[in-house]
Amino acid sequence: MQENLIRFITPLGLLAIFFGLLMGFLGSDWIGFLSQNWIIVKLFVVLVLFFYQIFCWKILKNLKSASHNWTGFKLRVFNEIPVLLLLIGIIAAVFKF
């Protein structure tokens, strides 16, 4: 099941990054846009989520080969990381701190 989920999520994440970059390139004031703190936080969150997805592929590969040392508790805690990151990104975009 986790393999199907990661195969479904990865293309959607790549599309989100592509369309986000496209919207940025279509904007006229890059310097003014990137000088805002909230967008820097948002871009950092996207970058961390990108590496999180890569690490998920690595975990899935290790689970298939049974050479992993992840307990169920560690995996559940690891699963909460993107939720916290997405909340940070949403708060940054809404409150524009």
PDB file of N, CA and C in Angstrom:
ATOM      1  N   MET A   1       0.816  -1.185   0.000  1.00  0.00           N
ATOM      2  CA  MET A   1       0.000   0.000   0.000  1.00  0.00           C
ATOM      3  C   MET A   1       0.866   1.258   0.000  1.00  0.00           C
ATOM      4  N   GLN A   2       1.961   1.241   0.790  1.00  0.00           N
ATOM      5  CA  GLN A   2       2.814   2.418   0.844  1.00  0.00           C
ATOM      6  C   GLN A   2       3.471   2.696  -0.504  1.00  0.00           C
ATOM      7  N   GLU A   3       3.719   1.648  -1.270  1.00  0.00           N
ATOM      8  CA  GLU A   3       4.305   1.831  -2.589  1.00  0.00           C
ATOM      9  C   GLU A   3       3.327   2.531  -3.530  1.00  0.00           C
ATOM     10  N   ASN A   4       2.063   2.146  -3.472  1.00  0.00           N
ATOM     11  CA  ASN A   4       1.054   2.812  -4.299  1.00  0.00           C
ATOM     12  C   ASN A   4       0.888   4.268  -3.899  1.00  0.00           C
ATOM     13  N   LEU A   5       0.924   4.532  -2.605  1.00  0.00           N
ATOM     14  CA  LEU A   5       0.767   5.895  -2.119  1.00  0.00           C
ATOM     15  C   LEU A   5       1.907   6.788  -2.574  1.00  0.00           C
ATOM     16  N   ILE A   6       3.120   6.313  -2.456  1.00  0.00           N
ATOM     17  CA  ILE A   6       4.261   7.149  -2.834  1.00  0.00           C
ATOM     18  C   ILE A   6       4.310   7.350  -4.346  1.00  0.00           C
ATOM     19  N   ARG A   7       3.847   6.380  -5.114  1.00  0.00           N
ATOM     20  CA  ARG A   7       3.772   6.546  -6.573  1.00  0.00           C
ATOM     21  C   ARG A   7       2.686   7.541  -6.967  1.00  0.00           C
ATOM     22  N   PHE A   8       1.667   7.679  -6.144  1.00  0.00           N
ATOM     23  CA  PHE A   8       0.593   8.629  -6.405  1.00  0.00           C
ATOM     24  C   PHE A   8       0.996  10.042  -5.981  1.00  0.00           C
ATOM     25  N   ILE A   9       1.671  10.161  -4.846  1.00  0.00           N
ATOM     26  CA  ILE A   9       2.014  11.458  -4.274  1.00  0.00           C
ATOM     27  C   ILE A   9       3.159  12.131  -5.017  1.00  0.00           C
ATOM     28  N   THR A  10       4.157  11.377  -5.456  1.00  0.00           N
ATOM     29  CA  THR A  10       5.344  11.968  -6.073  1.00  0.00           C
ATOM     30  C   THR A  10       5.028  12.792  -7.320  1.00  0.00           C
ATOM     31  N   PRO A  11       4.264  12.292  -8.283  1.00  0.00           N
ATOM     32  CA  PRO A  11       3.953  13.136  -9.450  1.00  0.00           C
ATOM     33  C   PRO A  11       3.145  14.391  -9.075  1.00  0.00           C
ATOM     34  N   LEU A  12       2.267  14.262  -8.095  1.00  0.00           N
ATOM     35  CA  LEU A  12       1.496  15.436  -7.679  1.00  0.00           C
ATOM     36  C   LEU A  12       2.393  16.487  -7.036  1.00  0.00           C
ATOM     37  N   GLY A  13       3.362  16.043  -6.256  1.00  0.00           N
ATOM     38  CA  GLY A  13       4.318  16.981  -5.664  1.00  0.00           C
ATOM     39  C   GLY A  13       5.165  17.670  -6.719  1.00  0.00           C
ATOM     40  N   LEU A  14       5.601  16.912  -7.709  1.00  0.00           N
ATOM     41  CA  LEU A  14       6.385  17.504  -8.793  1.00  0.00           C
ATOM     42  C   LEU A  14       5.562  18.502  -9.600  1.00  0.00           C
ATOM     43  N   LEU A  15       4.300  18.186  -9.836  1.00  0.00           N
ATOM     44  CA  LEU A  15       3.423  19.136 -10.527  1.00  0.00           C
ATOM     45  C   LEU A  15       3.223  20.406  -9.703  1.00  0.00           C
ATOM     46  N   ALA A  16       3.073  20.267  -8.398  1.00  0.00           N
ATOM     47  CA  ALA A  16       2.905  21.436  -7.535  1.00  0.00           C
ATOM     48  C   ALA A  16       4.151  22.320  -7.578  1.00  0.00           C
ATOM     49  N   ILE A  17       5.331  21.703  -7.542  1.00  0.00           N
ATOM     50  CA  ILE A  17       6.567  22.475  -7.632  1.00  0.00           C
ATOM     51  C   ILE A  17       6.670  23.159  -8.989  1.00  0.00           C
ATOM     52  N   PHE A  18       6.346  22.446 -10.059  1.00  0.00           N
ATOM     53  CA  PHE A  18       6.403  23.016 -11.408  1.00  0.00           C
ATOM     54  C   PHE A  18       5.474  24.218 -11.547  1.00  0.00           C
ATOM     55  N   PHE A  19       4.223  24.065 -11.130  1.00  0.00           N
ATOM     56  CA  PHE A  19       3.282  25.173 -11.283  1.00  0.00           C
ATOM     57  C   PHE A  19       3.601  26.329 -10.334  1.00  0.00           C
ATOM     58  N   GLY A  20       4.172  26.021  -9.178  1.00  0.00           N
ATOM     59  CA  GLY A  20       4.613  27.089  -8.281  1.00  0.00           C
ATOM     60  C   GLY A  20       5.744  27.899  -8.897  1.00  0.00           C
ATOM     61  N   LEU A  21       6.701  27.206  -9.499  1.00  0.00           N
ATOM     62  CA  LEU A  21       7.789  27.908 -10.184  1.00  0.00           C
ATOM     63  C   LEU A  21       7.276  28.681 -11.389  1.00  0.00           C
ATOM     64  N   LEU A  22       6.332  28.119 -12.111  1.00  0.00           N
ATOM     65  CA  LEU A  22       5.749  28.804 -13.263  1.00  0.00           C
ATOM     66  C   LEU A  22       5.053  30.098 -12.837  1.00  0.00           C
ATOM     67  N   MET A  23       4.306  30.038 -11.739  1.00  0.00           N
ATOM     68  CA  MET A  23       3.666  31.254 -11.232  1.00  0.00           C
ATOM     69  C   MET A  23       4.714  32.287 -10.826  1.00  0.00           C
ATOM     70  N   GLY A  24       5.797  31.830 -10.236  1.00  0.00           N
ATOM     71  CA  GLY A  24       6.864  32.743  -9.850  1.00  0.00           C
ATOM     72  C   GLY A  24       7.529  33.389 -11.052  1.00  0.00           C
ATOM     73  N   PHE A  25       7.778  32.604 -12.096  1.00  0.00           N
ATOM     74  CA  PHE A  25       8.417  33.150 -13.293  1.00  0.00           C
ATOM     75  C   PHE A  25       7.498  34.121 -14.030  1.00  0.00           C
ATOM     76  N   LEU A  26       6.197  33.900 -13.935  1.00  0.00           N
ATOM     77  CA  LEU A  26       5.262  34.802 -14.604  1.00  0.00           C
ATOM     78  C   LEU A  26       5.074  36.109 -13.844  1.00  0.00           C
ATOM     79  N   GLY A  27       5.494  36.144 -12.583  1.00  0.00           N
ATOM     80  CA  GLY A  27       5.414  37.373 -11.794  1.00  0.00           C
ATOM     81  C   GLY A  27       6.438  38.379 -12.295  1.00  0.00           C
ATOM     82  N   SER A  28       6.199  39.638 -12.021  1.00  0.00           N
ATOM     83  CA  SER A  28       7.069  40.669 -12.573  1.00  0.00           C
ATOM     84  C   SER A  28       8.158  41.126 -11.607  1.00  0.00           C
ATOM     85  N   ASP A  29       7.915  41.071 -10.307  1.00  0.00           N
ATOM     86  CA  ASP A  29       8.851  41.628  -9.342  1.00  0.00           C
ATOM     87  C   ASP A  29       9.473  40.521  -8.487  1.00  0.00           C
ATOM     88  N   TRP A  30      10.496  39.856  -9.046  1.00  0.00           N
ATOM     89  CA  TRP A  30      11.140  38.754  -8.332  1.00  0.00           C
ATOM     90  C   TRP A  30      11.868  39.220  -7.090  1.00  0.00           C
ATOM     91  N   ILE A  31      12.584  40.335  -7.185  1.00  0.00           N
ATOM     92  CA  ILE A  31      13.384  40.814  -6.055  1.00  0.00           C
ATOM     93  C   ILE A  31      12.477  41.197  -4.892  1.00  0.00           C
ATOM     94  N   GLY A  32      11.412  41.898  -5.167  1.00  0.00           N
ATOM     95  CA  GLY A  32      10.476  42.275  -4.113  1.00  0.00           C
ATOM     96  C   GLY A  32       9.774  41.069  -3.522  1.00  0.00           C
ATOM     97  N   PHE A  33       9.478  40.104  -4.356  1.00  0.00           N
ATOM     98  CA  PHE A  33       8.786  38.903  -3.898  1.00  0.00           C
ATOM     99  C   PHE A  33       9.682  38.063  -2.993  1.00  0.00           C
ATOM    100  N   LEU A  34      10.929  37.870  -3.408  1.00  0.00           N
ATOM    101  CA  LEU A  34      11.841  37.028  -2.642  1.00  0.00           C
ATOM    102  C   LEU A  34      12.442  37.729  -1.431  1.00  0.00           C
ATOM    103  N   SER A  35      12.212  39.024  -1.292  1.00  0.00           N
ATOM    104  CA  SER A  35      12.728  39.727  -0.117  1.00  0.00           C
ATOM    105  C   SER A  35      11.767  39.641   1.069  1.00  0.00           C
ATOM    106  N   GLN A  36      10.617  39.024   0.879  1.00  0.00           N
ATOM    107  CA  GLN A  36       9.649  38.878   1.967  1.00  0.00           C
ATOM    108  C   GLN A  36       9.985  37.624   2.778  1.00  0.00           C
ATOM    109  N   ASN A  37       9.921  37.754   4.089  1.00  0.00           N
ATOM    110  CA  ASN A  37      10.290  36.641   4.969  1.00  0.00           C
ATOM    111  C   ASN A  37       9.383  35.429   4.795  1.00  0.00           C
ATOM    112  N   TRP A  38       8.093  35.647   4.620  1.00  0.00           N
ATOM    113  CA  TRP A  38       7.165  34.532   4.565  1.00  0.00           C
ATOM    114  C   TRP A  38       7.416  33.644   3.357  1.00  0.00           C
ATOM    115  N   ILE A  39       7.814  34.225   2.226  1.00  0.00           N
ATOM    116  CA  ILE A  39       8.043  33.398   1.043  1.00  0.00           C
ATOM    117  C   ILE A  39       9.338  32.604   1.182  1.00  0.00           C
ATOM    118  N   ILE A  40      10.306  33.168   1.896  1.00  0.00           N
ATOM    119  CA  ILE A  40      11.544  32.428   2.156  1.00  0.00           C
ATOM    120  C   ILE A  40      11.238  31.218   3.028  1.00  0.00           C
ATOM    121  N   VAL A  41      10.394  31.404   4.050  1.00  0.00           N
ATOM    122  CA  VAL A  41       9.984  30.290   4.913  1.00  0.00           C
ATOM    123  C   VAL A  41       9.228  29.255   4.087  1.00  0.00           C
ATOM    124  N   LYS A  42       8.332  29.706   3.237  1.00  0.00           N
ATOM    125  CA  LYS A  42       7.535  28.798   2.403  1.00  0.00           C
ATOM    126  C   LYS A  42       8.432  27.995   1.454  1.00  0.00           C
ATOM    127  N   LEU A  43       9.394  28.649   0.827  1.00  0.00           N
ATOM    128  CA  LEU A  43      10.309  27.951  -0.071  1.00  0.00           C
ATOM    129  C   LEU A  43      11.189  26.959   0.684  1.00  0.00           C
ATOM    130  N   PHE A  44      11.596  27.309   1.893  1.00  0.00           N
ATOM    131  CA  PHE A  44      12.375  26.393   2.717  1.00  0.00           C
ATOM    132  C   PHE A  44      11.549  25.150   3.072  1.00  0.00           C
ATOM    133  N   VAL A  45      10.283  25.360   3.396  1.00  0.00           N
ATOM    134  CA  VAL A  45       9.393  24.233   3.715  1.00  0.00           C
ATOM    135  C   VAL A  45       9.252  23.314   2.501  1.00  0.00           C
ATOM    136  N   VAL A  46       9.107  23.879   1.317  1.00  0.00           N
ATOM    137  CA  VAL A  46       8.990  23.069   0.094  1.00  0.00           C
ATOM    138  C   VAL A  46      10.271  22.284  -0.143  1.00  0.00           C
ATOM    139  N   LEU A  47      11.411  22.917   0.087  1.00  0.00           N
ATOM    140  CA  LEU A  47      12.693  22.227  -0.090  1.00  0.00           C
ATOM    141  C   LEU A  47      12.837  21.072   0.898  1.00  0.00           C
ATOM    142  N   VAL A  48      12.470  21.302   2.147  1.00  0.00           N
ATOM    143  CA  VAL A  48      12.553  20.238   3.157  1.00  0.00           C
ATOM    144  C   VAL A  48      11.587  19.103   2.814  1.00  0.00           C
ATOM    145  N   LEU A  49      10.390  19.431   2.331  1.00  0.00           N
ATOM    146  CA  LEU A  49       9.429  18.397   1.932  1.00  0.00           C
ATOM    147  C   LEU A  49       9.938  17.593   0.733  1.00  0.00           C
ATOM    148  N   PHE A  50      10.655  18.249  -0.156  1.00  0.00           N
ATOM    149  CA  PHE A  50      11.256  17.551  -1.298  1.00  0.00           C
ATOM    150  C   PHE A  50      12.250  16.495  -0.807  1.00  0.00           C
ATOM    151  N   PHE A  51      13.122  16.882   0.124  1.00  0.00           N
ATOM    152  CA  PHE A  51      14.094  15.924   0.662  1.00  0.00           C
ATOM    153  C   PHE A  51      13.419  14.870   1.536  1.00  0.00           C
ATOM    154  N   TYR A  52      12.332  15.232   2.184  1.00  0.00           N
ATOM    155  CA  TYR A  52      11.549  14.266   2.953  1.00  0.00           C
ATOM    156  C   TYR A  52      11.019  13.166   2.025  1.00  0.00           C
ATOM    157  N   GLN A  53      10.547  13.567   0.860  1.00  0.00           N
ATOM    158  CA  GLN A  53      10.013  12.600  -0.104  1.00  0.00           C
ATOM    159  C   GLN A  53      11.119  11.661  -0.585  1.00  0.00           C
ATOM    160  N   ILE A  54      12.293  12.204  -0.830  1.00  0.00           N
ATOM    161  CA  ILE A  54      13.426  11.365  -1.239  1.00  0.00           C
ATOM    162  C   ILE A  54      13.772  10.370  -0.135  1.00  0.00           C
ATOM    163  N   PHE A  55      13.757  10.840   1.110  1.00  0.00           N
ATOM    164  CA  PHE A  55      14.054   9.941   2.231  1.00  0.00           C
ATOM    165  C   PHE A  55      12.971   8.869   2.372  1.00  0.00           C
ATOM    166  N   CYS A  56      11.725   9.213   2.053  1.00  0.00           N
ATOM    167  CA  CYS A  56      10.644   8.214   2.084  1.00  0.00           C
ATOM    168  C   CYS A  56      10.901   7.109   1.067  1.00  0.00           C
ATOM    169  N   TRP A  57      11.395   7.470  -0.119  1.00  0.00           N
ATOM    170  CA  TRP A  57      11.748   6.455  -1.115  1.00  0.00           C
ATOM    171  C   TRP A  57      12.823   5.533  -0.558  1.00  0.00           C
ATOM    172  N   LYS A  58      13.808   6.112   0.158  1.00  0.00           N
ATOM    173  CA  LYS A  58      14.878   5.308   0.743  1.00  0.00           C
ATOM    174  C   LYS A  58      14.331   4.354   1.805  1.00  0.00           C
ATOM    175  N   ILE A  59      13.433   4.843   2.640  1.00  0.00           N
ATOM    176  CA  ILE A  59      12.829   3.989   3.662  1.00  0.00           C
ATOM    177  C   ILE A  59      12.037   2.859   3.014  1.00  0.00           C
ATOM    178  N   LEU A  60      11.286   3.183   1.970  1.00  0.00           N
ATOM    179  CA  LEU A  60      10.506   2.158   1.272  1.00  0.00           C
ATOM    180  C   LEU A  60      11.413   1.088   0.679  1.00  0.00           C
ATOM    181  N   LYS A  61      12.527   1.511   0.121  1.00  0.00           N
ATOM    182  CA  LYS A  61      13.483   0.552  -0.436  1.00  0.00           C
ATOM    183  C   LYS A  61      14.037  -0.348   0.671  1.00  0.00           C
ATOM    184  N   ASN A  62      14.358   0.238   1.824  1.00  0.00           N
ATOM    185  CA  ASN A  62      14.870  -0.559   2.944  1.00  0.00           C
ATOM    186  C   ASN A  62      13.808  -1.502   3.493  1.00  0.00           C
ATOM    187  N   LEU A  63      12.557  -1.079   3.506  1.00  0.00           N
ATOM    188  CA  LEU A  63      11.485  -1.947   3.988  1.00  0.00           C
ATOM    189  C   LEU A  63      11.304  -3.161   3.083  1.00  0.00           C
ATOM    190  N   LYS A  64      11.486  -2.957   1.783  1.00  0.00           N
ATOM    191  CA  LYS A  64      11.362  -4.078   0.850  1.00  0.00           C
ATOM    192  C   LYS A  64      12.471  -5.102   1.062  1.00  0.00           C
ATOM    193  N   SER A  65      13.664  -4.623   1.357  1.00  0.00           N
ATOM    194  CA  SER A  65      14.794  -5.544   1.521  1.00  0.00           C
ATOM    195  C   SER A  65      14.921  -6.057   2.951  1.00  0.00           C
ATOM    196  N   ALA A  66      14.069  -5.623   3.827  1.00  0.00           N
ATOM    197  CA  ALA A  66      14.057  -6.035   5.240  1.00  0.00           C
ATOM    198  C   ALA A  66      15.354  -5.687   5.958  1.00  0.00           C
ATOM    199  N   SER A  67      16.041  -4.657   5.480  1.00  0.00           N
ATOM    200  CA  SER A  67      17.278  -4.220   6.143  1.00  0.00           C
ATOM    201  C   SER A  67      17.053  -2.866   6.814  1.00  0.00           C
ATOM    202  N   HIS A  68      15.999  -2.780   7.576  1.00  0.00           N
ATOM    203  CA  HIS A  68      15.665  -1.511   8.222  1.00  0.00           C
ATOM    204  C   HIS A  68      15.688  -1.683   9.737  1.00  0.00           C
ATOM    205  N   ASN A  69      15.853  -0.569  10.412  1.00  0.00           N
ATOM    206  CA  ASN A  69      15.831  -0.591  11.869  1.00  0.00           C
ATOM    207  C   ASN A  69      14.783   0.385  12.401  1.00  0.00           C
ATOM    208  N   TRP A  70      13.787   0.674  11.606  1.00  0.00           N
ATOM    209  CA  TRP A  70      12.711   1.585  11.998  1.00  0.00           C
ATOM    210  C   TRP A  70      11.646   0.801  12.759  1.00  0.00           C
ATOM    211  N   THR A  71      11.324   1.286  13.942  1.00  0.00           N
ATOM    212  CA  THR A  71      10.215   0.688  14.679  1.00  0.00           C
ATOM    213  C   THR A  71       8.922   1.350  14.227  1.00  0.00           C
ATOM    214  N   GLY A  72       7.817   0.773  14.623  1.00  0.00           N
ATOM    215  CA  GLY A  72       6.527   1.359  14.289  1.00  0.00           C
ATOM    216  C   GLY A  72       6.372   2.748  14.875  1.00  0.00           C
ATOM    217  N   PHE A  73       6.882   2.952  16.075  1.00  0.00           N
ATOM    218  CA  PHE A  73       6.791   4.270  16.712  1.00  0.00           C
ATOM    219  C   PHE A  73       7.602   5.307  15.944  1.00  0.00           C
ATOM    220  N   LYS A  74       8.817   4.949  15.529  1.00  0.00           N
ATOM    221  CA  LYS A  74       9.650   5.872  14.767  1.00  0.00           C
ATOM    222  C   LYS A  74       8.981   6.257  13.446  1.00  0.00           C
ATOM    223  N   LEU A  75       8.370   5.282  12.789  1.00  0.00           N
ATOM    224  CA  LEU A  75       7.687   5.571  11.526  1.00  0.00           C
ATOM    225  C   LEU A  75       6.483   6.477  11.735  1.00  0.00           C
ATOM    226  N   ARG A  76       5.746   6.289  12.833  1.00  0.00           N
ATOM    227  CA  ARG A  76       4.595   7.154  13.110  1.00  0.00           C
ATOM    228  C   ARG A  76       5.041   8.580  13.411  1.00  0.00           C
ATOM    229  N   VAL A  77       6.129   8.723  14.153  1.00  0.00           N
ATOM    230  CA  VAL A  77       6.657  10.069  14.430  1.00  0.00           C
ATOM    231  C   VAL A  77       7.173  10.698  13.143  1.00  0.00           C
ATOM    232  N   PHE A  78       7.877   9.925  12.323  1.00  0.00           N
ATOM    233  CA  PHE A  78       8.381  10.423  11.039  1.00  0.00           C
ATOM    234  C   PHE A  78       7.235  10.856  10.132  1.00  0.00           C
ATOM    235  N   ASN A  79       6.101  10.195  10.243  1.00  0.00           N
ATOM    236  CA  ASN A  79       4.932  10.511   9.440  1.00  0.00           C
ATOM    237  C   ASN A  79       4.323  11.868   9.808  1.00  0.00           C
ATOM    238  N   GLU A  80       4.576  12.357  11.001  1.00  0.00           N
ATOM    239  CA  GLU A  80       4.009  13.632  11.432  1.00  0.00           C
ATOM    240  C   GLU A  80       4.829  14.832  10.977  1.00  0.00           C
ATOM    241  N   ILE A  81       6.049  14.621  10.533  1.00  0.00           N
ATOM    242  CA  ILE A  81       6.913  15.727  10.112  1.00  0.00           C
ATOM    243  C   ILE A  81       6.295  16.560   8.990  1.00  0.00           C
ATOM    244  N   PRO A  82       5.765  15.952   7.904  1.00  0.00           N
ATOM    245  CA  PRO A  82       5.202  16.797   6.849  1.00  0.00           C
ATOM    246  C   PRO A  82       3.979  17.586   7.306  1.00  0.00           C
ATOM    247  N   VAL A  83       3.227  17.057   8.243  1.00  0.00           N
ATOM    248  CA  VAL A  83       2.064  17.800   8.761  1.00  0.00           C
ATOM    249  C   VAL A  83       2.534  19.084   9.433  1.00  0.00           C
ATOM    250  N   LEU A  84       3.556  18.981  10.263  1.00  0.00           N
ATOM    251  CA  LEU A  84       4.086  20.165  10.931  1.00  0.00           C
ATOM    252  C   LEU A  84       4.683  21.150   9.930  1.00  0.00           C
ATOM    253  N   LEU A  85       5.390  20.640   8.940  1.00  0.00           N
ATOM    254  CA  LEU A  85       5.965  21.521   7.923  1.00  0.00           C
ATOM    255  C   LEU A  85       4.882  22.235   7.118  1.00  0.00           C
ATOM    256  N   LEU A  86       3.835  21.509   6.757  1.00  0.00           N
ATOM    257  CA  LEU A  86       2.749  22.135   6.004  1.00  0.00           C
ATOM    258  C   LEU A  86       2.034  23.193   6.839  1.00  0.00           C
ATOM    259  N   LEU A  87       1.872  22.939   8.129  1.00  0.00           N
ATOM    260  CA  LEU A  87       1.269  23.954   8.997  1.00  0.00           C
ATOM    261  C   LEU A  87       2.133  25.211   9.060  1.00  0.00           C
ATOM    262  N   ILE A  88       3.444  25.038   9.144  1.00  0.00           N
ATOM    263  CA  ILE A  88       4.342  26.186   9.146  1.00  0.00           C
ATOM    264  C   ILE A  88       4.208  26.967   7.843  1.00  0.00           C
ATOM    265  N   GLY A  89       4.155  26.252   6.719  1.00  0.00           N
ATOM    266  CA  GLY A  89       3.997  26.913   5.421  1.00  0.00           C
ATOM    267  C   GLY A  89       2.685  27.654   5.294  1.00  0.00           C
ATOM    268  N   ILE A  90       1.617  27.069   5.790  1.00  0.00           N
ATOM    269  CA  ILE A  90       0.304  27.709   5.717  1.00  0.00           C
ATOM    270  C   ILE A  90       0.265  28.948   6.614  1.00  0.00           C
ATOM    271  N   ILE A  91       0.805  28.816   7.820  1.00  0.00           N
ATOM    272  CA  ILE A  91       0.830  29.968   8.737  1.00  0.00           C
ATOM    273  C   ILE A  91       1.667  31.085   8.145  1.00  0.00           C
ATOM    274  N   ALA A  92       2.790  30.759   7.535  1.00  0.00           N
ATOM    275  CA  ALA A  92       3.635  31.781   6.911  1.00  0.00           C
ATOM    276  C   ALA A  92       2.894  32.504   5.800  1.00  0.00           C
ATOM    277  N   ALA A  93       2.148  31.754   4.986  1.00  0.00           N
ATOM    278  CA  ALA A  93       1.445  32.371   3.858  1.00  0.00           C
ATOM    279  C   ALA A  93       0.237  33.189   4.311  1.00  0.00           C
ATOM    280  N   VAL A  94      -0.454  32.733   5.332  1.00  0.00           N
ATOM    281  CA  VAL A  94      -1.654  33.446   5.779  1.00  0.00           C
ATOM    282  C   VAL A  94      -1.291  34.731   6.541  1.00  0.00           C
ATOM    283  N   PHE A  95      -0.361  34.611   7.472  1.00  0.00           N
ATOM    284  CA  PHE A  95      -0.033  35.766   8.308  1.00  0.00           C
ATOM    285  C   PHE A  95       1.097  36.635   7.734  1.00  0.00           C
ATOM    286  N   LYS A  96       1.796  36.140   6.740  1.00  0.00           N
ATOM    287  CA  LYS A  96       2.856  36.869   6.040  1.00  0.00           C
ATOM    288  C   LYS A  96       3.784  37.603   7.026  1.00  0.00           C
ATOM    289  N   PHE A  97       4.353  36.844   7.934  1.00  0.00           N
ATOM    290  CA  PHE A  97       5.246  37.423   8.953  1.00  0.00           C
ATOM    291  C   PHE A  97       6.591  37.769   8.376  1.00  0.00           C
TER     292      PHE A  97
END
